[in-house]
Amino acid sequence: MTAIDVHAHFVPPKALEALSARGVELGISLVDKGAGARCCRFDDGLEVRPFLPGLLDLDGRLAEMDGQRVARQVLSVWTDIFGYGLDAGRCDTWHRILNDGIAELCAARPERFSWMASAPLNDAAAAARELERCAANGAVGVIVTANVDGRNLGEVSLEEFWSACEVLDMPVFVHPSLPQPLPRAERFSLNQTCAYTMDTTLAVGSMILGGTLDRFPRLRLLLAHGGGNLLYLIGRFDRMHDAADRNATGDRAAHPPSAYVRRFLYDSIVHSRDALRFLREMAGIDRILLGGDAPFPPGDPDPLGSLEKAGLDDDAIERIAVTNPTREYRLG
């Protein structure tokens, strides 16, 4: 099996080297938390969790991939450190550092890794330019957060960026980011279990109902964690689209929300046999791509095994794990 995992995170060591050397200039401090743990603190006051060891160890990642029967990962940088609260110039510089670092890592192991760019979404024009630069440097897609400094993705002015995504024909990976959990979600892992999936759902709902998908019909969006709660709530979305005053709600969708379900791609990280079958029924087998979410605890440590345990036949597994990622990320 030449399986391809499209949901895997990494932080290039050169980014940490840049913070050690230029942190004051960038507005980001590399903070020593003791026992070898380090984290990022941004000048706007945000301090994120310490880096997990697996975010920094590529040799360990290769061994893990071999155990999972995964031939290739499409790497993306950990979204918590995207720094959208920085001023536009610093944010642009920071994303150039992140992208150059991950590009260099993947170029050294092209048989095992591809990469997605990130972009400074607090400036749509700069984000478009960075995406163009990264596409020329080998990026196969781009990762964006479901919210930009607390604003729903579909409510941020990103027209120039979305246009660049269409022109470059790059898949856009929509990933939640809540480095500072709401007080109600601080305990019991509720931030990762509930708030992350709702972050994705809010983002996609805002893009559907705000008209982003109508204005950019060729956008290819991959949704993390099986689309969050979108598919389970799609009937409720349709009901409100029909019943609510659209002038009051700002609903500008040209079609019922359920009409957009098969516009999206979905990763396979749902942790449930029944949920995976539901995802297949709602989205279709050709819209699902293999994901593991390394190295985070909510990830799937055996993504291929999860497909097998769901009772999918060999053809369906081949499509999710090989055919669909190869097609969407132009890896053939």
Protein backbone atom coordinates (compact mmCIF):
# COMPACT_ATOMS: atom_id res chain seq x y z
CA MET A 1 0.00 0.00 0.00
CA THR A 2 1.44 3.37 -1.07
CA ALA A 3 -0.81 5.25 1.35
CA ILE A 4 -0.70 9.06 1.47
CA ASP A 5 -1.59 10.90 4.69
CA VAL A 6 -2.76 14.46 3.94
CA HIS A 7 -3.15 15.60 7.56
CA ALA A 8 0.22 15.69 9.33
CA HIS A 9 1.88 18.57 11.16
CA PHE A 10 5.50 19.57 11.59
CA VAL A 11 7.54 22.59 12.67
CA PRO A 12 10.78 23.13 10.75
CA PRO A 13 13.84 23.50 13.00
CA LYS A 14 14.93 26.54 10.98
CA ALA A 15 11.86 28.37 12.25
CA LEU A 16 12.99 27.86 15.84
CA GLU A 17 16.51 28.92 14.87
CA ALA A 18 15.06 32.10 13.42
CA LEU A 19 13.17 32.79 16.64
CA SER A 20 16.34 32.32 18.68
CA ALA A 21 18.20 34.75 16.45
CA ARG A 22 15.46 37.23 15.44
CA GLY A 23 12.62 36.81 17.92
CA VAL A 24 12.51 40.47 18.95
CA GLU A 25 12.39 41.58 15.31
CA LEU A 26 9.61 39.09 14.54
CA GLY A 27 7.55 39.83 17.64
CA ILE A 28 7.75 36.19 18.78
CA SER A 29 9.63 34.90 21.82
CA LEU A 30 10.86 31.34 22.14
CA VAL A 31 10.15 30.57 25.80
CA ASP A 32 11.94 27.87 27.78
CA LYS A 33 9.35 25.98 29.89
CA GLY A 34 11.89 23.67 31.56
CA ALA A 35 12.76 20.01 31.00
CA GLY A 36 13.62 20.81 27.39
CA ALA A 37 10.13 22.10 26.54
CA ARG A 38 9.76 25.33 24.57
CA CYS A 39 6.82 27.37 23.34
CA CYS A 40 6.06 30.49 21.33
CA ARG A 41 4.88 33.72 22.94
CA PHE A 42 3.62 36.42 20.57
CA ASP A 43 3.79 40.14 21.22
CA ASP A 44 -0.03 40.35 21.27
CA GLY A 45 0.08 38.26 24.46
CA LEU A 46 -0.76 34.83 23.03
CA GLU A 47 1.34 32.01 24.46
CA VAL A 48 0.71 28.63 22.87
CA ARG A 49 1.27 25.14 24.25
CA PRO A 50 4.84 23.79 24.27
CA PHE A 51 5.94 21.98 21.12
CA LEU A 52 5.28 18.27 21.25
CA PRO A 53 8.49 16.29 20.56
CA GLY A 54 6.85 14.73 17.50
CA LEU A 55 6.49 18.18 15.91
CA LEU A 56 10.27 18.48 15.70
CA ASP A 57 11.54 14.93 15.08
CA LEU A 58 11.48 13.93 11.41
CA ASP A 59 13.42 10.68 11.89
CA GLY A 60 10.88 9.54 14.47
CA ARG A 61 8.12 10.53 12.08
CA LEU A 62 9.55 8.26 9.37
CA ALA A 63 9.60 5.30 11.74
CA GLU A 64 6.01 6.03 12.75
CA MET A 65 4.92 6.22 9.11
CA ASP A 66 6.51 2.87 8.37
CA GLY A 67 4.55 1.32 11.23
CA GLN A 68 1.34 2.84 9.86
CA ARG A 69 2.00 1.63 6.29
CA VAL A 70 2.06 5.26 5.14
CA ALA A 71 4.42 5.94 2.25
CA ARG A 72 4.01 9.72 2.15
CA GLN A 73 2.80 12.57 4.33
CA VAL A 74 1.70 15.96 3.08
CA LEU A 75 3.13 18.11 5.85
CA SER A 76 1.63 21.33 7.15
CA VAL A 77 2.88 23.59 9.94
CA TRP A 78 1.12 23.53 13.31
CA THR A 79 -1.63 26.14 13.01
CA ASP A 80 -1.35 27.46 16.58
CA ILE A 81 1.86 29.30 15.66
CA PHE A 82 0.55 31.13 12.57
CA GLY A 83 0.63 34.47 14.42
CA TYR A 84 -2.30 36.24 12.78
CA GLY A 85 -2.25 38.71 15.67
CA LEU A 86 1.12 40.05 14.45
CA ASP A 87 1.22 43.17 12.31
CA ALA A 88 1.00 42.43 8.58
CA GLY A 89 4.72 42.84 7.84
CA ARG A 90 5.89 40.59 10.65
CA CYS A 91 3.24 37.98 9.87
CA ASP A 92 4.35 37.90 6.22
CA THR A 93 8.00 37.44 7.23
CA TRP A 94 7.10 34.71 9.72
CA HIS A 95 5.18 32.68 7.14
CA ARG A 96 8.04 32.98 4.66
CA ILE A 97 10.33 31.51 7.32
CA LEU A 98 7.89 28.67 8.05
CA ASN A 99 7.37 27.88 4.39
CA ASP A 100 11.03 27.98 3.45
CA GLY A 101 11.87 25.69 6.35
CA ILE A 102 9.29 23.04 5.53
CA ALA A 103 10.08 23.24 1.80
CA GLU A 104 13.73 22.52 2.54
CA LEU A 105 12.86 19.51 4.71
CA CYS A 106 10.60 18.01 2.05
CA ALA A 107 13.10 18.65 -0.74
CA ALA A 108 15.62 16.57 1.22
CA ARG A 109 13.18 13.60 1.37
CA PRO A 110 11.00 13.98 -1.72
CA GLU A 111 10.09 10.29 -1.77
CA ARG A 112 8.38 10.54 1.65
CA PHE A 113 7.14 14.11 2.11
CA SER A 114 5.24 16.82 0.27
CA TRP A 115 4.13 20.10 1.84
CA MET A 116 1.37 22.64 2.12
CA ALA A 117 2.12 26.33 2.40
CA SER A 118 0.72 28.64 5.03
CA ALA A 119 -0.08 32.30 4.39
CA PRO A 120 -0.42 35.59 6.32
CA LEU A 121 -4.20 35.79 6.20
CA ASN A 122 -4.30 39.13 8.01
CA ASP A 123 -3.33 40.63 4.62
CA ALA A 124 -5.07 39.00 1.64
CA ALA A 125 -2.73 40.51 -0.96
CA ALA A 126 0.36 39.35 0.94
CA ALA A 127 -1.22 35.92 1.40
CA ALA A 128 -1.81 35.64 -2.35
CA ARG A 129 1.79 36.63 -3.11
CA GLU A 130 3.14 34.12 -0.60
CA LEU A 131 0.99 31.37 -2.06
CA GLU A 132 2.30 32.13 -5.55
CA ARG A 133 5.88 32.06 -4.25
CA CYS A 134 5.33 28.74 -2.49
CA ALA A 135 3.64 27.16 -5.51
CA ALA A 136 6.76 27.98 -7.52
CA ASN A 137 8.83 26.39 -4.74
CA GLY A 138 7.00 23.07 -4.73
CA ALA A 139 4.00 23.47 -2.41
CA VAL A 140 1.13 21.15 -3.36
CA GLY A 141 -1.56 22.92 -1.31
CA VAL A 142 -2.18 25.52 1.39
CA ILE A 143 -3.42 25.27 4.96
CA VAL A 144 -5.61 27.97 6.53
CA THR A 145 -7.13 28.25 9.98
CA ALA A 146 -10.89 28.10 10.51
CA ASN A 147 -10.72 31.50 12.18
CA VAL A 148 -8.38 34.42 11.68
CA ASP A 149 -7.63 35.98 15.05
CA GLY A 150 -11.13 35.05 16.22
CA ARG A 151 -13.07 35.94 13.06
CA ASN A 152 -14.84 33.25 11.05
CA LEU A 153 -12.94 32.40 7.89
CA GLY A 154 -15.89 33.35 5.68
CA GLU A 155 -16.14 36.79 7.31
CA VAL A 156 -12.56 37.84 6.61
CA SER A 157 -11.85 39.83 3.44
CA LEU A 158 -9.79 37.28 1.50
CA GLU A 159 -10.98 37.74 -2.08
CA GLU A 160 -7.49 38.17 -3.52
CA PHE A 161 -6.27 35.08 -1.69
CA TRP A 162 -9.20 32.88 -2.75
CA SER A 163 -8.69 34.05 -6.32
CA ALA A 164 -5.04 32.97 -6.16
CA CYS A 165 -6.08 29.56 -4.82
CA GLU A 166 -8.35 29.14 -7.83
CA VAL A 167 -5.81 30.33 -10.36
CA LEU A 168 -3.11 28.06 -8.91
CA ASP A 169 -5.65 25.22 -8.56
CA MET A 170 -4.40 24.45 -5.05
CA PRO A 171 -6.40 22.51 -2.48
CA VAL A 172 -7.07 24.56 0.66
CA PHE A 173 -6.94 22.64 3.95
CA VAL A 174 -9.29 24.25 6.50
CA HIS A 175 -8.00 23.40 9.97
CA PRO A 176 -9.27 24.53 13.40
CA SER A 177 -7.09 26.65 15.67
CA LEU A 178 -8.02 27.51 19.26
CA PRO A 179 -4.76 27.95 21.16
CA GLN A 180 -6.60 29.70 24.00
CA PRO A 181 -9.68 27.61 24.84
CA LEU A 182 -12.88 29.13 26.09
CA PRO A 183 -13.23 28.72 29.87
CA ARG A 184 -15.95 26.08 29.39
CA ALA A 185 -13.59 24.00 27.24
CA GLU A 186 -10.46 24.14 29.39
CA ARG A 187 -11.06 20.80 31.16
CA PHE A 188 -11.84 17.25 30.08
CA SER A 189 -10.15 17.75 26.65
CA LEU A 190 -13.31 19.58 25.54
CA ASN A 191 -11.27 22.05 23.50
CA GLN A 192 -9.90 19.31 21.24
CA THR A 193 -13.02 17.14 21.31
CA CYS A 194 -15.78 19.71 20.90
CA ALA A 195 -14.45 23.21 20.24
CA TYR A 196 -12.06 22.21 17.44
CA THR A 197 -14.78 20.48 15.46
CA MET A 198 -17.14 23.40 16.00
CA ASP A 199 -14.44 25.84 14.84
CA THR A 200 -14.36 24.04 11.49
CA THR A 201 -18.17 23.97 11.33
CA LEU A 202 -18.44 27.71 11.98
CA ALA A 203 -15.84 28.41 9.31
CA VAL A 204 -17.55 26.32 6.67
CA GLY A 205 -20.98 27.65 7.57
CA SER A 206 -19.71 31.21 7.21
CA MET A 207 -18.20 30.40 3.81
CA ILE A 208 -21.36 28.75 2.50
CA LEU A 209 -23.82 31.31 3.84
CA GLY A 210 -21.56 34.29 3.21
CA GLY A 211 -21.37 33.36 -0.47
CA THR A 212 -17.64 32.54 -0.70
CA LEU A 213 -18.31 29.26 -2.50
CA ASP A 214 -20.58 30.98 -5.01
CA ARG A 215 -18.05 33.72 -5.76
CA PHE A 216 -15.24 31.16 -6.08
CA PRO A 217 -16.80 28.04 -7.61
CA ARG A 218 -13.45 26.39 -8.33
CA LEU A 219 -12.17 26.47 -4.74
CA ARG A 220 -11.15 23.02 -3.56
CA LEU A 221 -11.55 22.88 0.23
CA LEU A 222 -10.38 19.97 2.42
CA LEU A 223 -12.07 19.96 5.85
CA ALA A 224 -10.25 18.59 8.88
CA HIS A 225 -11.62 15.88 11.14
CA GLY A 226 -14.29 14.65 8.75
CA GLY A 227 -15.74 18.16 8.37
CA GLY A 228 -16.23 18.77 12.08
CA ASN A 229 -19.98 18.79 12.81
CA LEU A 230 -21.04 19.99 9.36
CA LEU A 231 -22.57 16.81 7.98
CA TYR A 232 -24.50 15.97 11.12
CA LEU A 233 -25.93 19.50 11.23
CA ILE A 234 -26.54 19.99 7.51
CA GLY A 235 -30.30 19.53 7.84
CA ARG A 236 -30.35 22.23 10.50
CA PHE A 237 -28.36 24.51 8.19
CA ASP A 238 -30.94 23.90 5.45
CA ARG A 239 -33.84 24.60 7.81
CA MET A 240 -32.41 27.95 8.90
CA HIS A 241 -31.60 28.85 5.30
CA ASP A 242 -35.29 28.33 4.48
CA ALA A 243 -36.87 29.69 7.65
CA ALA A 244 -34.78 32.67 8.75
CA ASP A 245 -34.89 36.21 7.40
CA ARG A 246 -31.83 36.26 5.14
CA ASN A 247 -31.51 40.03 5.30
CA ALA A 248 -31.27 39.76 9.07
CA THR A 249 -28.86 36.80 9.13
CA GLY A 250 -26.68 37.87 6.19
CA ASP A 251 -27.35 34.61 4.35
CA ARG A 252 -26.23 35.10 0.73
CA ALA A 253 -25.91 31.44 -0.32
CA ALA A 254 -27.30 30.81 -3.80
CA HIS A 255 -28.37 27.27 -2.86
CA PRO A 256 -29.39 25.32 0.25
CA PRO A 257 -26.31 24.46 2.35
CA SER A 258 -26.72 20.74 1.64
CA ALA A 259 -26.09 21.47 -2.05
CA TYR A 260 -22.47 22.31 -1.17
CA VAL A 261 -21.68 19.13 0.80
CA ARG A 262 -20.00 17.40 -2.13
CA ARG A 263 -18.05 20.51 -3.02
CA PHE A 264 -15.80 19.73 -0.07
CA LEU A 265 -13.12 17.14 0.55
CA TYR A 266 -12.95 15.53 3.99
CA ASP A 267 -10.16 13.79 5.85
CA SER A 268 -10.88 10.40 7.40
CA ILE A 269 -10.20 11.30 11.06
CA VAL A 270 -13.52 10.54 12.76
CA HIS A 271 -12.51 7.77 15.20
CA SER A 272 -15.69 5.76 14.70
CA ARG A 273 -16.71 3.00 12.34
CA ASP A 274 -20.26 4.34 12.14
CA ALA A 275 -19.10 7.94 11.67
CA LEU A 276 -16.82 6.91 8.80
CA ARG A 277 -19.68 5.07 7.12
CA PHE A 278 -21.88 8.14 7.58
CA LEU A 279 -19.17 10.32 6.06
CA ARG A 280 -18.99 7.99 3.08
CA GLU A 281 -22.77 8.04 2.63
CA MET A 282 -23.03 11.83 2.87
CA ALA A 283 -19.92 12.91 0.97
CA GLY A 284 -19.15 10.01 -1.34
CA ILE A 285 -16.04 7.84 -1.36
CA ASP A 286 -14.24 10.10 -3.86
CA ARG A 287 -14.39 13.07 -1.45
CA ILE A 288 -12.57 11.36 1.47
CA LEU A 289 -8.78 11.48 1.92
CA LEU A 290 -6.65 9.62 4.43
CA GLY A 291 -5.58 11.63 7.48
CA GLY A 292 -3.72 10.89 10.70
CA ASP A 293 -3.15 14.31 12.41
CA ALA A 294 0.36 13.42 13.62
CA PRO A 295 1.66 14.03 16.21
CA PHE A 296 -1.35 15.20 18.24
CA PRO A 297 -3.31 13.09 20.76
CA PRO A 298 -6.67 13.50 18.94
CA GLY A 299 -5.07 12.04 15.82
CA ASP A 300 -5.50 8.55 14.43
CA PRO A 301 -2.43 6.41 15.19
CA ASP A 302 -3.53 3.80 12.64
CA PRO A 303 -5.39 5.58 9.83
CA LEU A 304 -5.35 2.66 7.42
CA GLY A 305 -6.45 0.31 10.18
CA SER A 306 -9.42 2.58 10.86
CA LEU A 307 -10.56 2.18 7.26
CA GLU A 308 -10.19 -1.57 7.53
CA LYS A 309 -12.07 -1.76 10.83
CA ALA A 310 -14.94 0.19 9.25
CA GLY A 311 -15.42 -2.71 6.88
CA LEU A 312 -14.44 -0.81 3.73
CA ASP A 313 -13.44 -3.02 0.83
CA ASP A 314 -10.02 -2.91 -0.81
CA ASP A 315 -11.19 -0.64 -3.62
CA ALA A 316 -12.63 1.95 -1.20
CA ILE A 317 -9.46 1.90 0.91
CA GLU A 318 -7.30 2.33 -2.19
CA ARG A 319 -9.34 5.33 -3.26
CA ILE A 320 -9.23 7.05 0.14
CA ALA A 321 -5.58 6.31 0.85
CA VAL A 322 -4.01 6.56 -2.61
CA THR A 323 -6.22 7.60 -5.53
CA ASN A 324 -7.96 10.60 -3.98
CA PRO A 325 -4.85 12.19 -2.35
CA THR A 326 -2.83 11.62 -5.53
CA ARG A 327 -5.51 13.30 -7.64
CA GLU A 328 -6.20 16.27 -5.35
CA TYR A 329 -2.57 17.06 -4.56
CA ARG A 330 -1.21 16.26 -8.05
CA LEU A 331 1.20 13.70 -6.65
CA GLY A 332 1.20 11.33 -9.62
